[in-house]
Amino acid sequence: MLDSEIHPLFEGAPTSTTFKKLRKRIIRQTREAIEQYGMVERDAKWLVCLSGGKDSYTLLAALAELQWRGLLPVEILACNLDQGQPGFPSGVLPEFLERMKVPHRIEYKDTYSVVVDKIPDTKTFCSLCSRLRRGNLYRVAREEGCSAIVLGHHRDDILETFMMSFFHGGKLATMPPKLVNDEGDLFVYRPLSHVAEEDCEKFAAAMNYPVIPCDLCGSQDGLQRQQVKQMLNEWEKNSPGRRQVMFKALTNANPSHLLDSSLFDFAGLQRSTIKP
């Protein structure tokens, strides 16, 4: 990667060695995930979902950089779903995308009113909000002729989801880097699957991207995900590198050493009949 060549999304990037290493690491890890999980298909068009958070800005920059360098042969359409949250700065993302010359679509759908009407104050909004948002993004993707929607979930999101499934859902599962929606007509990709949240935060801050906080679910205290995040933070503090070790475990499953008989034929396991 030549430091003298940058995509417009990197305009004004810091010139420090630390930032250059950060940028290269994010680009490399994004490319690795795209290649490892087979996300590229011929004549693909991706709907890249942009919330205005640090993760989605990092996602857009990484994908645009790879595309600009000829390493990602897909068409990219950035999309923000304005959910009608009170005080949402609706002009920030359109202005940013126009200035960066990124093809985009801004879609308005008041899901906020639906969520606050249906969910009591004592419950979290995340589940319903996510379903409504995803349904609208699927619709936009179909209207735009896209083959996939692309989300900004990173390594730490995947770890937190795994721990929540483990502690609260009674199963070993998490956000996969690639899946097909229930209708079977769209892929869902997570190219930042290998990227640490800390790197996304450092990158977006260094680039001074106009980050928009989530005032809907982000304003609620005591969420299970926040509890899991705090636990992982403590583990990482006491044992640096713990998150990466846990993430590696998710890529190295051994069904014969778990308890799921649908994944391994324990009943059919036989002893050797050859005497030593």
C-alpha atoms as a PDB file:
ATOM      1  CA  MET A   1       0.000   0.000   0.000  1.00  0.00           C
ATOM      2  CA  LEU A   2       1.533   3.288  -1.061  1.00  0.00           C
ATOM      3  CA  ASP A   3       1.181   6.049   1.504  1.00  0.00           C
ATOM      4  CA  SER A   4       1.198   8.677  -1.250  1.00  0.00           C
ATOM      5  CA  GLU A   5      -2.012   7.253  -2.700  1.00  0.00           C
ATOM      6  CA  ILE A   6      -5.165   7.610  -0.658  1.00  0.00           C
ATOM      7  CA  HIS A   7      -8.897   7.502  -1.244  1.00  0.00           C
ATOM      8  CA  PRO A   8     -10.799  10.799  -0.687  1.00  0.00           C
ATOM      9  CA  LEU A   9     -12.206   9.328   2.552  1.00  0.00           C
ATOM     10  CA  PHE A  10      -8.638   9.486   3.874  1.00  0.00           C
ATOM     11  CA  GLU A  11      -8.184  13.125   2.939  1.00  0.00           C
ATOM     12  CA  GLY A  12      -6.441  14.966   5.751  1.00  0.00           C
ATOM     13  CA  ALA A  13      -5.375  11.728   7.429  1.00  0.00           C
ATOM     14  CA  PRO A  14      -2.653  11.998  10.068  1.00  0.00           C
ATOM     15  CA  THR A  15       0.828  11.355   8.723  1.00  0.00           C
ATOM     16  CA  SER A  16       2.145   9.708  11.870  1.00  0.00           C
ATOM     17  CA  THR A  17       3.626   6.220  11.706  1.00  0.00           C
ATOM     18  CA  THR A  18       1.117   5.088  14.328  1.00  0.00           C
ATOM     19  CA  PHE A  19      -1.859   6.086  12.192  1.00  0.00           C
ATOM     20  CA  LYS A  20      -0.376   4.588   9.030  1.00  0.00           C
ATOM     21  CA  LYS A  21       0.038   1.266  10.828  1.00  0.00           C
ATOM     22  CA  LEU A  22      -3.535   1.491  12.123  1.00  0.00           C
ATOM     23  CA  ARG A  23      -4.922   2.213   8.647  1.00  0.00           C
ATOM     24  CA  LYS A  24      -2.949  -0.605   7.053  1.00  0.00           C
ATOM     25  CA  ARG A  25      -4.025  -3.050   9.763  1.00  0.00           C
ATOM     26  CA  ILE A  26      -7.713  -2.227   9.283  1.00  0.00           C
ATOM     27  CA  ILE A  27      -7.459  -2.506   5.492  1.00  0.00           C
ATOM     28  CA  ARG A  28      -5.540  -5.787   5.730  1.00  0.00           C
ATOM     29  CA  GLN A  29      -7.945  -7.360   8.211  1.00  0.00           C
ATOM     30  CA  THR A  30     -10.955  -6.252   6.183  1.00  0.00           C
ATOM     31  CA  ARG A  31      -9.497  -7.745   3.022  1.00  0.00           C
ATOM     32  CA  GLU A  32      -8.673 -10.971   4.883  1.00  0.00           C
ATOM     33  CA  ALA A  33     -12.266 -11.361   6.068  1.00  0.00           C
ATOM     34  CA  ILE A  34     -13.682 -10.648   2.609  1.00  0.00           C
ATOM     35  CA  GLU A  35     -11.425 -13.279   1.068  1.00  0.00           C
ATOM     36  CA  GLN A  36     -11.669 -15.873   3.856  1.00  0.00           C
ATOM     37  CA  TYR A  37     -15.465 -15.918   3.899  1.00  0.00           C
ATOM     38  CA  GLY A  38     -15.975 -15.567   0.147  1.00  0.00           C
ATOM     39  CA  MET A  39     -17.895 -12.303   0.088  1.00  0.00           C
ATOM     40  CA  VAL A  40     -17.150 -11.238  -3.496  1.00  0.00           C
ATOM     41  CA  GLU A  41     -19.282 -12.471  -6.386  1.00  0.00           C
ATOM     42  CA  ARG A  42     -19.319 -11.410 -10.013  1.00  0.00           C
ATOM     43  CA  ASP A  43     -21.153  -8.134 -10.813  1.00  0.00           C
ATOM     44  CA  ALA A  44     -22.071  -7.627  -7.154  1.00  0.00           C
ATOM     45  CA  LYS A  45     -23.577  -4.449  -5.769  1.00  0.00           C
ATOM     46  CA  TRP A  46     -23.372  -3.861  -2.032  1.00  0.00           C
ATOM     47  CA  LEU A  47     -25.646  -1.746   0.132  1.00  0.00           C
ATOM     48  CA  VAL A  48     -23.211  -0.494   2.767  1.00  0.00           C
ATOM     49  CA  CYS A  49     -25.230   0.451   5.839  1.00  0.00           C
ATOM     50  CA  LEU A  50     -24.048   3.690   7.418  1.00  0.00           C
ATOM     51  CA  SER A  51     -25.416   4.557  10.862  1.00  0.00           C
ATOM     52  CA  GLY A  52     -23.075   7.452  11.513  1.00  0.00           C
ATOM     53  CA  GLY A  53     -21.245   5.535  14.235  1.00  0.00           C
ATOM     54  CA  LYS A  54     -17.491   4.987  14.380  1.00  0.00           C
ATOM     55  CA  ASP A  55     -17.796   1.427  13.093  1.00  0.00           C
ATOM     56  CA  SER A  56     -19.789   2.239   9.969  1.00  0.00           C
ATOM     57  CA  TYR A  57     -17.442   5.103   9.051  1.00  0.00           C
ATOM     58  CA  THR A  58     -14.499   2.721   9.390  1.00  0.00           C
ATOM     59  CA  LEU A  59     -16.322   0.134   7.268  1.00  0.00           C
ATOM     60  CA  LEU A  60     -17.074   2.612   4.497  1.00  0.00           C
ATOM     61  CA  ALA A  61     -13.499   3.918   4.422  1.00  0.00           C
ATOM     62  CA  ALA A  62     -11.983   0.434   4.329  1.00  0.00           C
ATOM     63  CA  LEU A  63     -14.277  -0.781   1.544  1.00  0.00           C
ATOM     64  CA  ALA A  64     -13.800   2.384  -0.497  1.00  0.00           C
ATOM     65  CA  GLU A  65     -10.035   2.076  -0.140  1.00  0.00           C
ATOM     66  CA  LEU A  66     -10.053  -1.555  -1.297  1.00  0.00           C
ATOM     67  CA  GLN A  67     -12.379  -0.720  -4.185  1.00  0.00           C
ATOM     68  CA  TRP A  68     -10.238   2.260  -5.225  1.00  0.00           C
ATOM     69  CA  ARG A  69      -7.147   0.052  -5.284  1.00  0.00           C
ATOM     70  CA  GLY A  70      -8.856  -2.551  -7.479  1.00  0.00           C
ATOM     71  CA  LEU A  71      -8.950  -5.127  -4.676  1.00  0.00           C
ATOM     72  CA  LEU A  72     -12.737  -5.108  -4.257  1.00  0.00           C
ATOM     73  CA  PRO A  73     -14.497  -5.459  -7.645  1.00  0.00           C
ATOM     74  CA  VAL A  74     -17.998  -4.557  -6.473  1.00  0.00           C
ATOM     75  CA  GLU A  75     -20.273  -1.521  -6.752  1.00  0.00           C
ATOM     76  CA  ILE A  76     -20.823   0.270  -3.440  1.00  0.00           C
ATOM     77  CA  LEU A  77     -23.925   2.219  -2.449  1.00  0.00           C
ATOM     78  CA  ALA A  78     -23.851   3.754   1.031  1.00  0.00           C
ATOM     79  CA  CYS A  79     -27.219   3.911   2.778  1.00  0.00           C
ATOM     80  CA  ASN A  80     -28.388   5.610   5.941  1.00  0.00           C
ATOM     81  CA  LEU A  81     -31.771   4.746   7.410  1.00  0.00           C
ATOM     82  CA  ASP A  82     -33.082   7.836   9.237  1.00  0.00           C
ATOM     83  CA  GLN A  83     -35.342   6.239  11.867  1.00  0.00           C
ATOM     84  CA  GLY A  84     -36.949   9.445  13.048  1.00  0.00           C
ATOM     85  CA  GLN A  85     -35.153   9.701  16.367  1.00  0.00           C
ATOM     86  CA  PRO A  86     -35.740  13.073  18.052  1.00  0.00           C
ATOM     87  CA  GLY A  87     -32.770  15.358  17.594  1.00  0.00           C
ATOM     88  CA  PHE A  88     -31.133  13.200  14.936  1.00  0.00           C
ATOM     89  CA  PRO A  89     -28.855  15.478  12.850  1.00  0.00           C
ATOM     90  CA  SER A  90     -30.311  14.450   9.491  1.00  0.00           C
ATOM     91  CA  GLY A  91     -28.012  16.694   7.458  1.00  0.00           C
ATOM     92  CA  VAL A  92     -24.703  15.309   8.706  1.00  0.00           C
ATOM     93  CA  LEU A  93     -24.456  12.123   6.648  1.00  0.00           C
ATOM     94  CA  PRO A  94     -25.779  13.499   3.327  1.00  0.00           C
ATOM     95  CA  GLU A  95     -23.296  16.383   3.531  1.00  0.00           C
ATOM     96  CA  PHE A  96     -20.437  14.053   4.423  1.00  0.00           C
ATOM     97  CA  LEU A  97     -21.214  11.569   1.634  1.00  0.00           C
ATOM     98  CA  GLU A  98     -21.608  14.332  -0.934  1.00  0.00           C
ATOM     99  CA  ARG A  99     -18.294  15.856   0.085  1.00  0.00           C
ATOM    100  CA  MET A 100     -16.573  12.493  -0.101  1.00  0.00           C
ATOM    101  CA  LYS A 101     -18.187  11.764  -3.474  1.00  0.00           C
ATOM    102  CA  VAL A 102     -19.624   8.472  -2.210  1.00  0.00           C
ATOM    103  CA  PRO A 103     -22.745   7.170  -4.046  1.00  0.00           C
ATOM    104  CA  HIS A 104     -25.499   7.007  -1.446  1.00  0.00           C
ATOM    105  CA  ARG A 105     -29.164   6.852  -0.580  1.00  0.00           C
ATOM    106  CA  ILE A 106     -30.780   8.388   2.503  1.00  0.00           C
ATOM    107  CA  GLU A 107     -33.971   6.565   3.461  1.00  0.00           C
ATOM    108  CA  TYR A 108     -36.445   7.999   5.991  1.00  0.00           C
ATOM    109  CA  LYS A 109     -38.655   5.599   7.941  1.00  0.00           C
ATOM    110  CA  ASP A 110     -40.040   6.491  11.359  1.00  0.00           C
ATOM    111  CA  THR A 111     -39.352   3.261  13.212  1.00  0.00           C
ATOM    112  CA  TYR A 112     -38.569   5.209  16.388  1.00  0.00           C
ATOM    113  CA  SER A 113     -42.251   5.920  17.083  1.00  0.00           C
ATOM    114  CA  VAL A 114     -43.122   2.268  16.537  1.00  0.00           C
ATOM    115  CA  VAL A 115     -40.435   1.087  18.957  1.00  0.00           C
ATOM    116  CA  VAL A 116     -41.278   3.476  21.795  1.00  0.00           C
ATOM    117  CA  ASP A 117     -44.991   2.693  21.339  1.00  0.00           C
ATOM    118  CA  LYS A 118     -44.547  -1.071  21.466  1.00  0.00           C
ATOM    119  CA  ILE A 119     -41.761  -1.460  24.040  1.00  0.00           C
ATOM    120  CA  PRO A 120     -42.285  -0.482  27.722  1.00  0.00           C
ATOM    121  CA  ASP A 121     -39.759   1.879  29.299  1.00  0.00           C
ATOM    122  CA  THR A 122     -38.484  -0.975  31.459  1.00  0.00           C
ATOM    123  CA  LYS A 123     -37.493  -3.078  28.438  1.00  0.00           C
ATOM    124  CA  THR A 124     -34.683  -2.586  25.926  1.00  0.00           C
ATOM    125  CA  PHE A 125     -35.445  -1.408  22.413  1.00  0.00           C
ATOM    126  CA  CYS A 126     -32.646  -3.267  20.629  1.00  0.00           C
ATOM    127  CA  SER A 127     -34.478  -6.360  19.367  1.00  0.00           C
ATOM    128  CA  LEU A 128     -37.487  -4.639  17.789  1.00  0.00           C
ATOM    129  CA  CYS A 129     -35.414  -1.708  16.548  1.00  0.00           C
ATOM    130  CA  SER A 130     -32.993  -4.101  14.866  1.00  0.00           C
ATOM    131  CA  ARG A 131     -35.769  -6.098  13.165  1.00  0.00           C
ATOM    132  CA  LEU A 132     -37.465  -2.974  11.813  1.00  0.00           C
ATOM    133  CA  ARG A 133     -34.186  -1.500  10.627  1.00  0.00           C
ATOM    134  CA  ARG A 134     -33.110  -4.736   8.944  1.00  0.00           C
ATOM    135  CA  GLY A 135     -36.453  -5.132   7.176  1.00  0.00           C
ATOM    136  CA  ASN A 136     -36.203  -1.643   5.694  1.00  0.00           C
ATOM    137  CA  LEU A 137     -32.601  -2.192   4.626  1.00  0.00           C
ATOM    138  CA  TYR A 138     -33.600  -5.405   2.847  1.00  0.00           C
ATOM    139  CA  ARG A 139     -36.301  -3.470   1.026  1.00  0.00           C
ATOM    140  CA  VAL A 140     -33.896  -0.736  -0.051  1.00  0.00           C
ATOM    141  CA  ALA A 141     -31.344  -3.329  -1.181  1.00  0.00           C
ATOM    142  CA  ARG A 142     -33.928  -4.982  -3.419  1.00  0.00           C
ATOM    143  CA  GLU A 143     -35.058  -1.653  -4.836  1.00  0.00           C
ATOM    144  CA  GLU A 144     -31.453  -0.754  -5.669  1.00  0.00           C
ATOM    145  CA  GLY A 145     -30.622  -4.123  -7.218  1.00  0.00           C
ATOM    146  CA  CYS A 146     -28.093  -5.030  -4.531  1.00  0.00           C
ATOM    147  CA  SER A 147     -26.989  -8.581  -3.853  1.00  0.00           C
ATOM    148  CA  ALA A 148     -25.931  -7.939  -0.258  1.00  0.00           C
ATOM    149  CA  ILE A 149     -26.283  -5.602   2.686  1.00  0.00           C
ATOM    150  CA  VAL A 150     -23.006  -4.869   4.451  1.00  0.00           C
ATOM    151  CA  LEU A 151     -22.874  -4.145   8.177  1.00  0.00           C
ATOM    152  CA  GLY A 152     -20.209  -2.611  10.409  1.00  0.00           C
ATOM    153  CA  HIS A 153     -20.116  -5.215  13.186  1.00  0.00           C
ATOM    154  CA  HIS A 154     -16.550  -5.788  14.358  1.00  0.00           C
ATOM    155  CA  ARG A 155     -14.644  -8.443  16.280  1.00  0.00           C
ATOM    156  CA  ASP A 156     -15.846  -7.252  19.672  1.00  0.00           C
ATOM    157  CA  ASP A 157     -19.505  -7.237  18.582  1.00  0.00           C
ATOM    158  CA  ILE A 158     -19.054 -10.863  17.547  1.00  0.00           C
ATOM    159  CA  LEU A 159     -17.454 -11.791  20.877  1.00  0.00           C
ATOM    160  CA  GLU A 160     -20.132  -9.997  22.898  1.00  0.00           C
ATOM    161  CA  THR A 161     -22.902 -11.708  20.934  1.00  0.00           C
ATOM    162  CA  PHE A 162     -21.253 -15.076  21.519  1.00  0.00           C
ATOM    163  CA  MET A 163     -21.060 -14.455  25.261  1.00  0.00           C
ATOM    164  CA  MET A 164     -24.685 -13.297  25.380  1.00  0.00           C
ATOM    165  CA  SER A 165     -25.785 -16.450  23.556  1.00  0.00           C
ATOM    166  CA  PHE A 166     -23.669 -18.525  25.918  1.00  0.00           C
ATOM    167  CA  PHE A 167     -24.919 -16.918  29.143  1.00  0.00           C
ATOM    168  CA  HIS A 168     -28.493 -16.010  28.224  1.00  0.00           C
ATOM    169  CA  GLY A 169     -29.448 -18.023  25.125  1.00  0.00           C
ATOM    170  CA  GLY A 170     -28.136 -21.440  26.066  1.00  0.00           C
ATOM    171  CA  LYS A 171     -26.311 -21.987  22.771  1.00  0.00           C
ATOM    172  CA  LEU A 172     -22.955 -21.491  21.111  1.00  0.00           C
ATOM    173  CA  ALA A 173     -23.703 -18.950  18.405  1.00  0.00           C
ATOM    174  CA  THR A 174     -22.770 -15.453  17.298  1.00  0.00           C
ATOM    175  CA  MET A 175     -22.979 -13.023  14.373  1.00  0.00           C
ATOM    176  CA  PRO A 176     -21.517 -14.853  11.351  1.00  0.00           C
ATOM    177  CA  PRO A 177     -19.365 -12.892   8.909  1.00  0.00           C
ATOM    178  CA  LYS A 178     -21.573 -14.071   6.038  1.00  0.00           C
ATOM    179  CA  LEU A 179     -25.135 -15.366   5.885  1.00  0.00           C
ATOM    180  CA  VAL A 180     -28.189 -15.445   3.636  1.00  0.00           C
ATOM    181  CA  ASN A 181     -31.388 -13.729   4.796  1.00  0.00           C
ATOM    182  CA  ASP A 182     -34.517 -15.752   5.578  1.00  0.00           C
ATOM    183  CA  GLU A 183     -36.009 -15.001   2.170  1.00  0.00           C
ATOM    184  CA  GLY A 184     -32.870 -16.358   0.527  1.00  0.00           C
ATOM    185  CA  ASP A 185     -32.353 -13.453  -1.893  1.00  0.00           C
ATOM    186  CA  LEU A 186     -29.724 -11.346  -0.114  1.00  0.00           C
ATOM    187  CA  PHE A 187     -26.368 -11.899   1.524  1.00  0.00           C
ATOM    188  CA  VAL A 188     -25.488 -10.197   4.803  1.00  0.00           C
ATOM    189  CA  TYR A 189     -21.776  -9.429   5.131  1.00  0.00           C
ATOM    190  CA  ARG A 190     -19.649  -8.245   8.060  1.00  0.00           C
ATOM    191  CA  PRO A 191     -16.236  -7.362   6.584  1.00  0.00           C
ATOM    192  CA  LEU A 192     -14.964  -5.893   9.880  1.00  0.00           C
ATOM    193  CA  SER A 193     -15.256  -9.286  11.592  1.00  0.00           C
ATOM    194  CA  HIS A 194     -11.504  -9.376  12.249  1.00  0.00           C
ATOM    195  CA  VAL A 195     -11.162  -5.700  13.252  1.00  0.00           C
ATOM    196  CA  ALA A 196     -11.025  -4.663  16.921  1.00  0.00           C
ATOM    197  CA  GLU A 197     -13.488  -2.070  18.200  1.00  0.00           C
ATOM    198  CA  GLU A 198     -10.589  -0.125  19.678  1.00  0.00           C
ATOM    199  CA  ASP A 199      -9.085   0.253  16.201  1.00  0.00           C
ATOM    200  CA  CYS A 200     -12.401   1.513  14.783  1.00  0.00           C
ATOM    201  CA  GLU A 201     -12.617   4.066  17.568  1.00  0.00           C
ATOM    202  CA  LYS A 202      -9.041   5.268  17.107  1.00  0.00           C
ATOM    203  CA  PHE A 203      -9.445   5.443  13.331  1.00  0.00           C
ATOM    204  CA  ALA A 204     -12.712   7.422  13.337  1.00  0.00           C
ATOM    205  CA  ALA A 205     -11.349   9.815  15.959  1.00  0.00           C
ATOM    206  CA  ALA A 206      -8.090  10.368  14.067  1.00  0.00           C
ATOM    207  CA  MET A 207     -10.022  11.064  10.854  1.00  0.00           C
ATOM    208  CA  ASN A 208     -12.401  13.380  12.730  1.00  0.00           C
ATOM    209  CA  TYR A 209     -15.419  11.764  11.101  1.00  0.00           C
ATOM    210  CA  PRO A 210     -18.757  13.304  12.239  1.00  0.00           C
ATOM    211  CA  VAL A 211     -19.803  10.471  14.562  1.00  0.00           C
ATOM    212  CA  ILE A 212     -23.499  10.444  15.491  1.00  0.00           C
ATOM    213  CA  PRO A 213     -24.374   8.751  18.816  1.00  0.00           C
ATOM    214  CA  CYS A 214     -27.395   6.467  19.073  1.00  0.00           C
ATOM    215  CA  ASP A 215     -29.956   8.217  21.287  1.00  0.00           C
ATOM    216  CA  LEU A 216     -32.439   5.345  21.150  1.00  0.00           C
ATOM    217  CA  CYS A 217     -30.895   2.141  22.518  1.00  0.00           C
ATOM    218  CA  GLY A 218     -27.610   3.816  23.413  1.00  0.00           C
ATOM    219  CA  SER A 219     -29.378   5.873  26.069  1.00  0.00           C
ATOM    220  CA  GLN A 220     -30.614   2.845  28.017  1.00  0.00           C
ATOM    221  CA  ASP A 221     -28.675   1.611  31.020  1.00  0.00           C
ATOM    222  CA  GLY A 222     -28.181  -1.953  32.230  1.00  0.00           C
ATOM    223  CA  LEU A 223     -28.251  -3.646  28.830  1.00  0.00           C
ATOM    224  CA  GLN A 224     -26.978  -7.221  28.807  1.00  0.00           C
ATOM    225  CA  ARG A 225     -24.536  -6.314  26.054  1.00  0.00           C
ATOM    226  CA  GLN A 226     -23.046  -3.527  28.184  1.00  0.00           C
ATOM    227  CA  GLN A 227     -22.601  -5.958  31.055  1.00  0.00           C
ATOM    228  CA  VAL A 228     -20.816  -8.420  28.800  1.00  0.00           C
ATOM    229  CA  LYS A 229     -18.662  -5.620  27.372  1.00  0.00           C
ATOM    230  CA  GLN A 230     -17.609  -4.574  30.874  1.00  0.00           C
ATOM    231  CA  MET A 231     -16.718  -8.161  31.722  1.00  0.00           C
ATOM    232  CA  LEU A 232     -14.604  -8.526  28.579  1.00  0.00           C
ATOM    233  CA  ASN A 233     -12.926  -5.195  29.335  1.00  0.00           C
ATOM    234  CA  GLU A 234     -11.918  -6.443  32.780  1.00  0.00           C
ATOM    235  CA  TRP A 235     -10.566  -9.688  31.328  1.00  0.00           C
ATOM    236  CA  GLU A 236      -8.596  -7.758  28.712  1.00  0.00           C
ATOM    237  CA  LYS A 237      -7.228  -5.412  31.372  1.00  0.00           C
ATOM    238  CA  ASN A 238      -6.065  -8.308  33.566  1.00  0.00           C
ATOM    239  CA  SER A 239      -4.861 -10.431  30.656  1.00  0.00           C
ATOM    240  CA  PRO A 240      -4.009  -8.376  27.539  1.00  0.00           C
ATOM    241  CA  GLY A 241      -4.816 -10.243  24.336  1.00  0.00           C
ATOM    242  CA  ARG A 242      -7.680 -12.227  25.876  1.00  0.00           C
ATOM    243  CA  ARG A 243     -10.191 -10.947  23.298  1.00  0.00           C
ATOM    244  CA  GLN A 244      -8.069 -12.094  20.365  1.00  0.00           C
ATOM    245  CA  VAL A 245      -7.580 -15.535  21.915  1.00  0.00           C
ATOM    246  CA  MET A 246     -11.353 -15.862  22.382  1.00  0.00           C
ATOM    247  CA  PHE A 247     -11.980 -14.729  18.812  1.00  0.00           C
ATOM    248  CA  LYS A 248      -9.490 -17.302  17.525  1.00  0.00           C
ATOM    249  CA  ALA A 249     -11.435 -19.977  19.415  1.00  0.00           C
ATOM    250  CA  LEU A 250     -14.545 -19.103  17.399  1.00  0.00           C
ATOM    251  CA  THR A 251     -12.596 -19.945  14.224  1.00  0.00           C
ATOM    252  CA  ASN A 252     -11.283 -23.224  15.662  1.00  0.00           C
ATOM    253  CA  ALA A 253     -14.294 -25.281  16.758  1.00  0.00           C
ATOM    254  CA  ASN A 254     -13.789 -28.974  17.578  1.00  0.00           C
ATOM    255  CA  PRO A 255     -17.208 -30.722  17.448  1.00  0.00           C
ATOM    256  CA  SER A 256     -15.837 -33.991  18.877  1.00  0.00           C
ATOM    257  CA  HIS A 257     -14.916 -32.123  22.060  1.00  0.00           C
ATOM    258  CA  LEU A 258     -18.283 -30.465  22.547  1.00  0.00           C
ATOM    259  CA  LEU A 259     -21.655 -32.025  23.411  1.00  0.00           C
ATOM    260  CA  ASP A 260     -23.777 -31.542  20.289  1.00  0.00           C
ATOM    261  CA  SER A 261     -24.605 -34.980  18.867  1.00  0.00           C
ATOM    262  CA  SER A 262     -26.033 -33.388  15.731  1.00  0.00           C
ATOM    263  CA  LEU A 263     -22.544 -32.139  14.856  1.00  0.00           C
ATOM    264  CA  PHE A 264     -20.608 -35.250  15.852  1.00  0.00           C
ATOM    265  CA  ASP A 265     -21.697 -38.892  15.782  1.00  0.00           C
ATOM    266  CA  PHE A 266     -20.932 -39.868  19.371  1.00  0.00           C
ATOM    267  CA  ALA A 267     -23.239 -42.905  19.183  1.00  0.00           C
ATOM    268  CA  GLY A 268     -21.373 -44.207  16.138  1.00  0.00           C
ATOM    269  CA  LEU A 269     -17.924 -43.721  17.646  1.00  0.00           C
ATOM    270  CA  GLN A 270     -16.106 -47.072  17.710  1.00  0.00           C
ATOM    271  CA  ARG A 271     -13.065 -48.418  19.461  1.00  0.00           C
ATOM    272  CA  SER A 272     -10.265 -49.857  17.414  1.00  0.00           C
ATOM    273  CA  THR A 273     -10.489 -53.642  17.069  1.00  0.00           C
ATOM    274  CA  ILE A 274      -6.751 -53.891  16.442  1.00  0.00           C
ATOM    275  CA  LYS A 275      -4.902 -54.963  19.586  1.00  0.00           C
ATOM    276  CA  PRO A 276      -1.821 -52.890  20.408  1.00  0.00           C
END
